Amino acid sequence: ASTCDQPVLMVVSGPTHDRARMLAYGRAIAESGLYRQLGGYYVNLFAPQEIFEGAAPAGYINIIVRFPCLANARAFWNSKVYQQQILPLR
């Protein structure tokens, strides 16, 4: 049995095309309790970003979630709740 004591960061980056859908997606993650159950939490704030070199598309976001280990990050991503109920909201 492995221990869950090697933190990992899950980074999600990309453009947001439909703000209402992304807000519903974020609410669904929060309401599911998956992050809490698996020890995950947001590392960054959802704020406008400053690009110092190059350019990002309008609405581009970077979200970072810390999990206590890779197994928990995978458990979140591969969970039936996330894959079947939450992910389609994006």
N, C-alpha and C. Protein backbone atom coordinates (compact mmCIF):
# COMPACT_ATOMS: atom_id res chain seq x y z
N ALA A 1 0.85 -1.19 0.00
CA ALA A 1 0.00 0.00 0.00
C ALA A 1 0.89 1.24 0.00
N SER A 2 0.59 2.17 -0.86
CA SER A 2 1.37 3.40 -0.92
C SER A 2 0.73 4.46 -0.01
N THR A 3 1.58 5.38 0.42
CA THR A 3 1.07 6.47 1.24
C THR A 3 0.74 7.66 0.35
N CYS A 4 -0.12 8.49 0.85
CA CYS A 4 -0.54 9.66 0.09
C CYS A 4 0.12 10.89 0.71
N ASP A 5 1.42 11.02 0.49
CA ASP A 5 2.15 12.12 1.11
C ASP A 5 3.15 12.78 0.17
N GLN A 6 2.89 12.69 -1.12
CA GLN A 6 3.73 13.37 -2.11
C GLN A 6 2.82 14.27 -2.93
N PRO A 7 2.64 15.52 -2.48
CA PRO A 7 1.69 16.42 -3.13
C PRO A 7 1.96 16.61 -4.62
N VAL A 8 0.88 16.78 -5.36
CA VAL A 8 0.95 17.06 -6.79
C VAL A 8 0.04 18.25 -7.10
N LEU A 9 0.35 18.93 -8.18
CA LEU A 9 -0.47 20.04 -8.64
C LEU A 9 -1.14 19.65 -9.95
N MET A 10 -2.44 19.81 -10.00
CA MET A 10 -3.18 19.61 -11.24
C MET A 10 -3.39 20.99 -11.84
N VAL A 11 -2.89 21.19 -13.05
CA VAL A 11 -2.99 22.49 -13.71
C VAL A 11 -3.94 22.36 -14.89
N VAL A 12 -4.94 23.23 -14.91
CA VAL A 12 -5.91 23.27 -16.00
C VAL A 12 -5.78 24.64 -16.65
N SER A 13 -5.46 24.66 -17.94
CA SER A 13 -5.28 25.92 -18.66
C SER A 13 -6.07 25.88 -19.96
N GLY A 14 -6.65 27.01 -20.30
CA GLY A 14 -7.34 27.08 -21.58
C GLY A 14 -8.30 28.25 -21.61
N PRO A 15 -8.86 28.48 -22.79
CA PRO A 15 -9.82 29.59 -22.93
C PRO A 15 -11.19 29.20 -22.39
N THR A 16 -11.88 30.18 -21.86
CA THR A 16 -13.25 30.01 -21.41
C THR A 16 -14.15 30.65 -22.46
N HIS A 17 -15.00 29.84 -23.08
CA HIS A 17 -15.87 30.34 -24.14
C HIS A 17 -17.26 30.70 -23.64
N ASP A 18 -17.68 30.07 -22.53
CA ASP A 18 -19.02 30.28 -22.02
C ASP A 18 -18.94 30.42 -20.50
N ARG A 19 -18.94 31.67 -20.04
CA ARG A 19 -18.76 31.95 -18.61
C ARG A 19 -19.84 31.27 -17.76
N ALA A 20 -21.07 31.29 -18.19
CA ALA A 20 -22.16 30.69 -17.41
C ALA A 20 -21.94 29.19 -17.21
N ARG A 21 -21.50 28.52 -18.27
CA ARG A 21 -21.23 27.07 -18.16
C ARG A 21 -20.08 26.79 -17.22
N MET A 22 -19.03 27.63 -17.28
CA MET A 22 -17.88 27.42 -16.41
C MET A 22 -18.25 27.69 -14.95
N LEU A 23 -19.13 28.65 -14.71
CA LEU A 23 -19.59 28.90 -13.34
C LEU A 23 -20.39 27.70 -12.83
N ALA A 24 -21.23 27.14 -13.68
CA ALA A 24 -22.00 25.94 -13.30
C ALA A 24 -21.06 24.77 -13.03
N TYR A 25 -20.02 24.64 -13.84
CA TYR A 25 -19.01 23.60 -13.67
C TYR A 25 -18.31 23.74 -12.31
N GLY A 26 -17.89 24.96 -11.99
CA GLY A 26 -17.22 25.22 -10.72
C GLY A 26 -18.13 24.93 -9.53
N ARG A 27 -19.40 25.34 -9.64
CA ARG A 27 -20.37 25.05 -8.57
C ARG A 27 -20.55 23.54 -8.39
N ALA A 28 -20.62 22.83 -9.51
CA ALA A 28 -20.82 21.38 -9.44
C ALA A 28 -19.64 20.69 -8.76
N ILE A 29 -18.42 21.16 -9.04
CA ILE A 29 -17.26 20.59 -8.36
C ILE A 29 -17.37 20.85 -6.86
N ALA A 30 -17.67 22.09 -6.49
CA ALA A 30 -17.79 22.43 -5.07
C ALA A 30 -18.88 21.61 -4.39
N GLU A 31 -20.04 21.53 -5.02
CA GLU A 31 -21.16 20.82 -4.41
C GLU A 31 -20.94 19.31 -4.33
N SER A 32 -20.10 18.76 -5.21
CA SER A 32 -19.84 17.32 -5.19
C SER A 32 -19.05 16.90 -3.97
N GLY A 33 -18.25 17.81 -3.42
CA GLY A 33 -17.40 17.47 -2.28
C GLY A 33 -16.18 16.66 -2.65
N LEU A 34 -15.94 16.45 -3.94
CA LEU A 34 -14.81 15.61 -4.36
C LEU A 34 -13.46 16.17 -3.91
N TYR A 35 -13.25 17.47 -4.07
CA TYR A 35 -11.97 18.03 -3.64
C TYR A 35 -11.77 17.78 -2.15
N ARG A 36 -12.78 18.09 -1.36
CA ARG A 36 -12.68 17.92 0.10
C ARG A 36 -12.40 16.46 0.45
N GLN A 37 -13.12 15.53 -0.17
CA GLN A 37 -12.95 14.11 0.11
C GLN A 37 -11.55 13.62 -0.21
N LEU A 38 -10.95 14.19 -1.25
CA LEU A 38 -9.66 13.72 -1.72
C LEU A 38 -8.51 14.64 -1.33
N GLY A 39 -8.77 15.61 -0.47
CA GLY A 39 -7.72 16.49 0.03
C GLY A 39 -7.28 17.54 -0.96
N GLY A 40 -8.09 17.83 -1.97
CA GLY A 40 -7.73 18.82 -2.98
C GLY A 40 -8.19 20.21 -2.60
N TYR A 41 -7.43 21.22 -3.04
CA TYR A 41 -7.85 22.60 -2.84
C TYR A 41 -7.19 23.49 -3.89
N TYR A 42 -7.84 24.62 -4.17
CA TYR A 42 -7.32 25.57 -5.15
C TYR A 42 -6.09 26.27 -4.58
N VAL A 43 -5.06 26.39 -5.40
CA VAL A 43 -3.84 27.08 -5.01
C VAL A 43 -3.91 28.55 -5.42
N ASN A 44 -4.55 28.82 -6.53
CA ASN A 44 -4.59 30.19 -7.05
C ASN A 44 -6.00 30.76 -6.99
N LEU A 45 -6.06 32.07 -7.09
CA LEU A 45 -7.34 32.77 -7.15
C LEU A 45 -7.75 32.92 -8.61
N PHE A 46 -9.03 32.96 -8.84
CA PHE A 46 -9.54 33.15 -10.20
C PHE A 46 -9.58 34.65 -10.48
N ALA A 47 -8.46 35.16 -10.92
CA ALA A 47 -8.33 36.59 -11.17
C ALA A 47 -7.75 36.79 -12.56
N PRO A 48 -7.94 37.97 -13.12
CA PRO A 48 -7.33 38.24 -14.42
C PRO A 48 -5.82 38.03 -14.34
N GLN A 49 -5.26 37.54 -15.40
CA GLN A 49 -3.82 37.31 -15.39
C GLN A 49 -3.10 38.38 -16.20
N GLU A 50 -1.88 38.60 -15.85
CA GLU A 50 -1.04 39.55 -16.56
C GLU A 50 -0.04 38.74 -17.39
N ILE A 51 -0.01 38.96 -18.67
CA ILE A 51 0.91 38.27 -19.56
C ILE A 51 2.10 39.19 -19.82
N PHE A 52 3.29 38.73 -19.51
CA PHE A 52 4.48 39.54 -19.67
C PHE A 52 5.18 39.31 -21.00
N GLU A 53 4.90 38.18 -21.63
CA GLU A 53 5.50 37.91 -22.93
C GLU A 53 4.53 37.08 -23.74
N GLY A 54 4.30 37.45 -24.97
CA GLY A 54 3.33 36.75 -25.80
C GLY A 54 1.92 37.20 -25.46
N ALA A 55 0.96 36.44 -25.89
CA ALA A 55 -0.43 36.80 -25.64
C ALA A 55 -1.27 35.54 -25.46
N ALA A 56 -2.23 35.63 -24.59
CA ALA A 56 -3.18 34.53 -24.39
C ALA A 56 -4.51 34.94 -25.00
N PRO A 57 -5.29 33.98 -25.46
CA PRO A 57 -6.61 34.30 -26.01
C PRO A 57 -7.49 34.95 -24.94
N ALA A 58 -8.46 35.69 -25.37
CA ALA A 58 -9.42 36.29 -24.44
C ALA A 58 -10.07 35.20 -23.61
N GLY A 59 -10.22 35.45 -22.34
CA GLY A 59 -10.88 34.48 -21.47
C GLY A 59 -10.01 33.32 -21.06
N TYR A 60 -8.71 33.36 -21.32
CA TYR A 60 -7.81 32.27 -20.99
C TYR A 60 -7.65 32.18 -19.48
N ILE A 61 -7.71 30.97 -18.94
CA ILE A 61 -7.58 30.79 -17.50
C ILE A 61 -6.50 29.76 -17.16
N ASN A 62 -5.98 29.86 -15.96
CA ASN A 62 -5.09 28.87 -15.38
C ASN A 62 -5.63 28.56 -13.99
N ILE A 63 -5.94 27.32 -13.74
CA ILE A 63 -6.43 26.89 -12.44
C ILE A 63 -5.47 25.84 -11.93
N ILE A 64 -5.06 25.99 -10.66
CA ILE A 64 -4.14 25.03 -10.05
C ILE A 64 -4.81 24.45 -8.81
N VAL A 65 -4.88 23.13 -8.76
CA VAL A 65 -5.46 22.42 -7.62
C VAL A 65 -4.38 21.51 -7.04
N ARG A 66 -4.19 21.60 -5.74
CA ARG A 66 -3.20 20.75 -5.06
C ARG A 66 -3.92 19.56 -4.46
N PHE A 67 -3.36 18.38 -4.68
CA PHE A 67 -3.83 17.15 -4.07
C PHE A 67 -2.69 16.57 -3.25
N PRO A 68 -2.98 15.79 -2.21
CA PRO A 68 -1.91 15.25 -1.37
C PRO A 68 -1.06 14.18 -2.06
N CYS A 69 -1.56 13.63 -3.18
CA CYS A 69 -0.77 12.65 -3.93
C CYS A 69 -1.41 12.45 -5.31
N LEU A 70 -0.65 11.85 -6.19
CA LEU A 70 -1.11 11.60 -7.55
C LEU A 70 -2.34 10.68 -7.56
N ALA A 71 -2.37 9.71 -6.68
CA ALA A 71 -3.51 8.79 -6.64
C ALA A 71 -4.81 9.54 -6.37
N ASN A 72 -4.78 10.53 -5.50
CA ASN A 72 -6.00 11.29 -5.21
C ASN A 72 -6.39 12.20 -6.37
N ALA A 73 -5.41 12.77 -7.05
CA ALA A 73 -5.71 13.59 -8.23
C ALA A 73 -6.36 12.72 -9.30
N ARG A 74 -5.81 11.54 -9.50
CA ARG A 74 -6.40 10.61 -10.49
C ARG A 74 -7.78 10.14 -10.06
N ALA A 75 -7.94 9.92 -8.76
CA ALA A 75 -9.26 9.48 -8.25
C ALA A 75 -10.30 10.55 -8.53
N PHE A 76 -9.92 11.83 -8.37
CA PHE A 76 -10.85 12.92 -8.70
C PHE A 76 -11.18 12.87 -10.19
N TRP A 77 -10.14 12.92 -11.03
CA TRP A 77 -10.32 13.04 -12.47
C TRP A 77 -11.10 11.86 -13.05
N ASN A 78 -10.83 10.68 -12.56
CA ASN A 78 -11.44 9.47 -13.11
C ASN A 78 -12.74 9.07 -12.40
N SER A 79 -13.15 9.84 -11.39
CA SER A 79 -14.36 9.46 -10.66
C SER A 79 -15.58 9.50 -11.59
N LYS A 80 -16.50 8.63 -11.31
CA LYS A 80 -17.74 8.56 -12.08
C LYS A 80 -18.50 9.89 -12.00
N VAL A 81 -18.53 10.48 -10.81
CA VAL A 81 -19.23 11.75 -10.61
C VAL A 81 -18.62 12.83 -11.51
N TYR A 82 -17.28 12.93 -11.50
CA TYR A 82 -16.64 13.97 -12.33
C TYR A 82 -16.85 13.69 -13.81
N GLN A 83 -16.55 12.49 -14.24
CA GLN A 83 -16.60 12.17 -15.67
C GLN A 83 -18.02 12.22 -16.24
N GLN A 84 -19.00 11.77 -15.49
CA GLN A 84 -20.36 11.66 -16.04
C GLN A 84 -21.26 12.85 -15.72
N GLN A 85 -21.03 13.52 -14.59
CA GLN A 85 -21.94 14.58 -14.19
C GLN A 85 -21.34 15.98 -14.29
N ILE A 86 -20.06 16.10 -13.95
CA ILE A 86 -19.45 17.43 -13.88
C ILE A 86 -18.75 17.83 -15.18
N LEU A 87 -17.91 16.99 -15.70
CA LEU A 87 -17.14 17.30 -16.91
C LEU A 87 -18.04 17.73 -18.09
N PRO A 88 -19.18 17.08 -18.30
CA PRO A 88 -20.04 17.52 -19.43
C PRO A 88 -20.53 18.97 -19.32
N LEU A 89 -20.50 19.54 -18.12
CA LEU A 89 -20.93 20.92 -17.95
C LEU A 89 -19.98 21.91 -18.62
N ARG A 90 -18.73 21.52 -18.80
CA ARG A 90 -17.76 22.43 -19.42
C ARG A 90 -18.12 22.61 -20.87
